[in-house]
Amino acid sequence: MYKKTKTKLLSVLLTAAVTLSGIGLTNTASLHALAATGKAVLKTKKVTVNVGAKKAIKITSKKKKAKYTFKASNKKLQ
């Protein structure tokens, strides 16, 4: 009788361990997949530039051989 309950307990614990580890791997893999296939996003959201100065804007998740342009919605900047 003791061996039977021990076997059942072991099977329940192993099932829970496999299920929980599968959930963790799925979330991690999906996050990496989203980052790899996601849209290009500006790394910095706010930049202060003096008159006549230039500032390089960094982009994350860029696609190879793609050309990125920036256009401000503020008419004073154009």
N, C-alpha and C. Protein backbone atom coordinates (compact mmCIF):
# COMPACT_ATOMS: atom_id res chain seq x y z
N MET A 1 0.82 -1.19 0.00
CA MET A 1 0.00 0.00 0.00
C MET A 1 0.87 1.27 0.00
N TYR A 2 1.92 1.26 0.76
CA TYR A 2 2.80 2.41 0.85
C TYR A 2 3.47 2.66 -0.50
N LYS A 3 3.85 1.61 -1.19
CA LYS A 3 4.52 1.75 -2.48
C LYS A 3 3.57 2.34 -3.52
N LYS A 4 2.29 1.99 -3.45
CA LYS A 4 1.30 2.50 -4.40
C LYS A 4 1.10 4.01 -4.24
N THR A 5 0.99 4.50 -3.02
CA THR A 5 0.81 5.94 -2.80
C THR A 5 2.08 6.70 -3.15
N LYS A 6 3.22 6.08 -2.90
CA LYS A 6 4.49 6.71 -3.25
C LYS A 6 4.61 6.86 -4.77
N THR A 7 4.19 5.86 -5.50
CA THR A 7 4.24 5.91 -6.96
C THR A 7 3.28 6.98 -7.50
N LYS A 8 2.09 7.06 -6.95
CA LYS A 8 1.12 8.07 -7.37
C LYS A 8 1.64 9.48 -7.09
N LEU A 9 2.21 9.68 -5.92
CA LEU A 9 2.74 10.98 -5.56
C LEU A 9 3.89 11.37 -6.49
N LEU A 10 4.75 10.42 -6.78
CA LEU A 10 5.87 10.68 -7.68
C LEU A 10 5.38 11.03 -9.08
N SER A 11 4.35 10.34 -9.56
CA SER A 11 3.83 10.63 -10.89
C SER A 11 3.17 12.01 -10.94
N VAL A 12 2.49 12.41 -9.89
CA VAL A 12 1.86 13.73 -9.84
C VAL A 12 2.95 14.82 -9.83
N LEU A 13 3.98 14.63 -9.04
CA LEU A 13 5.06 15.62 -8.98
C LEU A 13 5.80 15.73 -10.31
N LEU A 14 6.06 14.63 -10.97
CA LEU A 14 6.74 14.66 -12.26
C LEU A 14 5.88 15.34 -13.32
N THR A 15 4.59 15.06 -13.29
CA THR A 15 3.67 15.69 -14.24
C THR A 15 3.64 17.20 -14.03
N ALA A 16 3.59 17.63 -12.78
CA ALA A 16 3.59 19.06 -12.48
C ALA A 16 4.90 19.71 -12.91
N ALA A 17 6.00 19.03 -12.68
CA ALA A 17 7.31 19.59 -13.06
C ALA A 17 7.42 19.75 -14.57
N VAL A 18 6.97 18.76 -15.32
CA VAL A 18 7.04 18.84 -16.78
C VAL A 18 6.11 19.93 -17.30
N THR A 19 4.93 20.03 -16.73
CA THR A 19 3.97 21.05 -17.16
C THR A 19 4.49 22.45 -16.89
N LEU A 20 5.00 22.69 -15.69
CA LEU A 20 5.50 24.02 -15.34
C LEU A 20 6.75 24.40 -16.14
N SER A 21 7.62 23.45 -16.38
CA SER A 21 8.81 23.77 -17.17
C SER A 21 8.43 24.04 -18.63
N GLY A 22 7.44 23.36 -19.14
CA GLY A 22 6.97 23.61 -20.51
C GLY A 22 6.38 24.99 -20.66
N ILE A 23 5.66 25.44 -19.65
CA ILE A 23 5.07 26.79 -19.69
C ILE A 23 6.18 27.83 -19.69
N GLY A 24 7.20 27.64 -18.88
CA GLY A 24 8.31 28.58 -18.82
C GLY A 24 9.07 28.64 -20.12
N LEU A 25 9.30 27.52 -20.76
CA LEU A 25 10.02 27.50 -22.03
C LEU A 25 9.21 28.13 -23.14
N THR A 26 7.91 27.93 -23.12
CA THR A 26 7.06 28.51 -24.15
C THR A 26 7.05 30.02 -24.06
N ASN A 27 6.97 30.56 -22.86
CA ASN A 27 6.96 32.02 -22.70
C ASN A 27 8.29 32.63 -23.12
N THR A 28 9.38 32.00 -22.76
CA THR A 28 10.69 32.51 -23.12
C THR A 28 10.88 32.46 -24.63
N ALA A 29 10.49 31.36 -25.24
CA ALA A 29 10.65 31.22 -26.68
C ALA A 29 9.77 32.22 -27.43
N SER A 30 8.57 32.44 -26.93
CA SER A 30 7.68 33.39 -27.61
C SER A 30 8.19 34.82 -27.49
N LEU A 31 8.82 35.16 -26.36
CA LEU A 31 9.37 36.50 -26.21
C LEU A 31 10.53 36.72 -27.18
N HIS A 32 11.39 35.72 -27.34
CA HIS A 32 12.50 35.84 -28.28
C HIS A 32 11.98 35.92 -29.71
N ALA A 33 10.94 35.16 -30.01
CA ALA A 33 10.39 35.19 -31.36
C ALA A 33 9.76 36.55 -31.66
N LEU A 34 9.07 37.13 -30.69
CA LEU A 34 8.49 38.45 -30.89
C LEU A 34 9.56 39.52 -31.07
N ALA A 35 10.62 39.42 -30.31
CA ALA A 35 11.70 40.40 -30.44
C ALA A 35 12.39 40.28 -31.78
N ALA A 36 12.53 39.06 -32.26
CA ALA A 36 13.23 38.86 -33.53
C ALA A 36 12.38 39.29 -34.72
N THR A 37 11.08 39.08 -34.65
CA THR A 37 10.22 39.39 -35.78
C THR A 37 9.41 40.67 -35.58
N GLY A 38 9.67 41.38 -34.49
CA GLY A 38 8.89 42.57 -34.18
C GLY A 38 9.25 43.75 -35.05
N LYS A 39 8.48 44.80 -34.92
CA LYS A 39 8.71 46.02 -35.68
C LYS A 39 9.94 46.74 -35.15
N ALA A 40 10.54 47.53 -36.00
CA ALA A 40 11.67 48.35 -35.58
C ALA A 40 11.17 49.43 -34.64
N VAL A 41 11.89 49.64 -33.54
CA VAL A 41 11.47 50.57 -32.51
C VAL A 41 12.66 51.47 -32.17
N LEU A 42 12.38 52.75 -31.91
CA LEU A 42 13.43 53.66 -31.48
C LEU A 42 13.92 53.27 -30.09
N LYS A 43 15.24 53.26 -29.92
CA LYS A 43 15.81 52.88 -28.63
C LYS A 43 15.59 53.99 -27.60
N THR A 44 15.78 55.24 -28.01
CA THR A 44 15.53 56.37 -27.12
C THR A 44 14.29 57.11 -27.60
N LYS A 45 13.45 57.48 -26.69
CA LYS A 45 12.18 58.10 -27.04
C LYS A 45 12.25 59.63 -27.04
N LYS A 46 13.21 60.20 -26.29
CA LYS A 46 13.28 61.65 -26.16
C LYS A 46 14.72 62.10 -26.39
N VAL A 47 14.89 63.09 -27.25
CA VAL A 47 16.22 63.59 -27.56
C VAL A 47 16.20 65.11 -27.53
N THR A 48 17.21 65.70 -26.92
CA THR A 48 17.36 67.16 -26.90
C THR A 48 18.55 67.51 -27.78
N VAL A 49 18.33 68.39 -28.77
CA VAL A 49 19.38 68.76 -29.72
C VAL A 49 19.43 70.28 -29.81
N ASN A 50 20.63 70.81 -29.74
CA ASN A 50 20.80 72.26 -29.89
C ASN A 50 20.72 72.64 -31.36
N VAL A 51 20.54 73.93 -31.63
CA VAL A 51 20.43 74.42 -33.00
C VAL A 51 21.72 74.13 -33.75
N GLY A 52 21.61 73.53 -34.91
CA GLY A 52 22.77 73.23 -35.74
C GLY A 52 23.48 71.94 -35.37
N ALA A 53 23.09 71.28 -34.30
CA ALA A 53 23.75 70.04 -33.88
C ALA A 53 23.04 68.84 -34.49
N LYS A 54 23.73 67.70 -34.48
CA LYS A 54 23.15 66.47 -34.99
C LYS A 54 23.15 65.42 -33.90
N LYS A 55 22.21 64.52 -33.99
CA LYS A 55 22.13 63.42 -33.02
C LYS A 55 21.75 62.15 -33.76
N ALA A 56 22.50 61.09 -33.56
CA ALA A 56 22.18 59.80 -34.19
C ALA A 56 21.07 59.13 -33.39
N ILE A 57 20.10 58.60 -34.10
CA ILE A 57 18.98 57.90 -33.46
C ILE A 57 19.21 56.41 -33.64
N LYS A 58 19.19 55.66 -32.53
CA LYS A 58 19.41 54.22 -32.59
C LYS A 58 18.07 53.50 -32.70
N ILE A 59 18.05 52.44 -33.50
CA ILE A 59 16.84 51.66 -33.73
C ILE A 59 17.12 50.21 -33.34
N THR A 60 16.18 49.60 -32.61
CA THR A 60 16.30 48.19 -32.25
C THR A 60 15.44 47.35 -33.19
N SER A 61 15.78 46.11 -33.33
CA SER A 61 15.07 45.14 -34.18
C SER A 61 15.04 45.58 -35.63
N LYS A 62 16.17 46.10 -36.12
CA LYS A 62 16.24 46.53 -37.52
C LYS A 62 16.31 45.31 -38.42
N LYS A 63 15.76 45.45 -39.61
CA LYS A 63 15.85 44.41 -40.61
C LYS A 63 17.01 44.73 -41.54
N LYS A 64 17.69 43.69 -41.99
CA LYS A 64 18.83 43.88 -42.87
C LYS A 64 18.39 44.47 -44.20
N LYS A 65 19.23 45.30 -44.76
CA LYS A 65 19.01 45.93 -46.07
C LYS A 65 17.76 46.79 -46.11
N ALA A 66 17.29 47.26 -44.97
CA ALA A 66 16.12 48.14 -44.94
C ALA A 66 16.60 49.57 -44.70
N LYS A 67 15.92 50.52 -45.29
CA LYS A 67 16.27 51.92 -45.13
C LYS A 67 15.24 52.57 -44.21
N TYR A 68 15.72 53.21 -43.17
CA TYR A 68 14.85 53.85 -42.20
C TYR A 68 14.99 55.36 -42.31
N THR A 69 13.86 56.05 -42.32
CA THR A 69 13.87 57.51 -42.35
C THR A 69 13.06 58.03 -41.18
N PHE A 70 13.38 59.24 -40.77
CA PHE A 70 12.68 59.86 -39.65
C PHE A 70 12.03 61.14 -40.13
N LYS A 71 10.79 61.33 -39.78
CA LYS A 71 10.08 62.55 -40.10
C LYS A 71 9.29 62.98 -38.87
N ALA A 72 9.52 64.20 -38.42
CA ALA A 72 8.85 64.69 -37.24
C ALA A 72 7.47 65.21 -37.58
N SER A 73 6.53 64.99 -36.70
CA SER A 73 5.18 65.51 -36.91
C SER A 73 5.11 66.99 -36.56
N ASN A 74 6.07 67.46 -35.79
CA ASN A 74 6.12 68.87 -35.39
C ASN A 74 6.65 69.70 -36.57
N LYS A 75 5.91 70.66 -37.05
CA LYS A 75 6.30 71.47 -38.22
C LYS A 75 7.52 72.34 -37.94
N LYS A 76 7.78 72.69 -36.68
CA LYS A 76 8.94 73.51 -36.34
C LYS A 76 10.26 72.75 -36.58
N LEU A 77 10.23 71.46 -36.54
CA LEU A 77 11.45 70.66 -36.70
C LEU A 77 11.81 70.41 -38.15
N GLN A 78 10.91 70.61 -39.04
CA GLN A 78 11.17 70.26 -40.44
C GLN A 78 11.80 71.37 -41.21
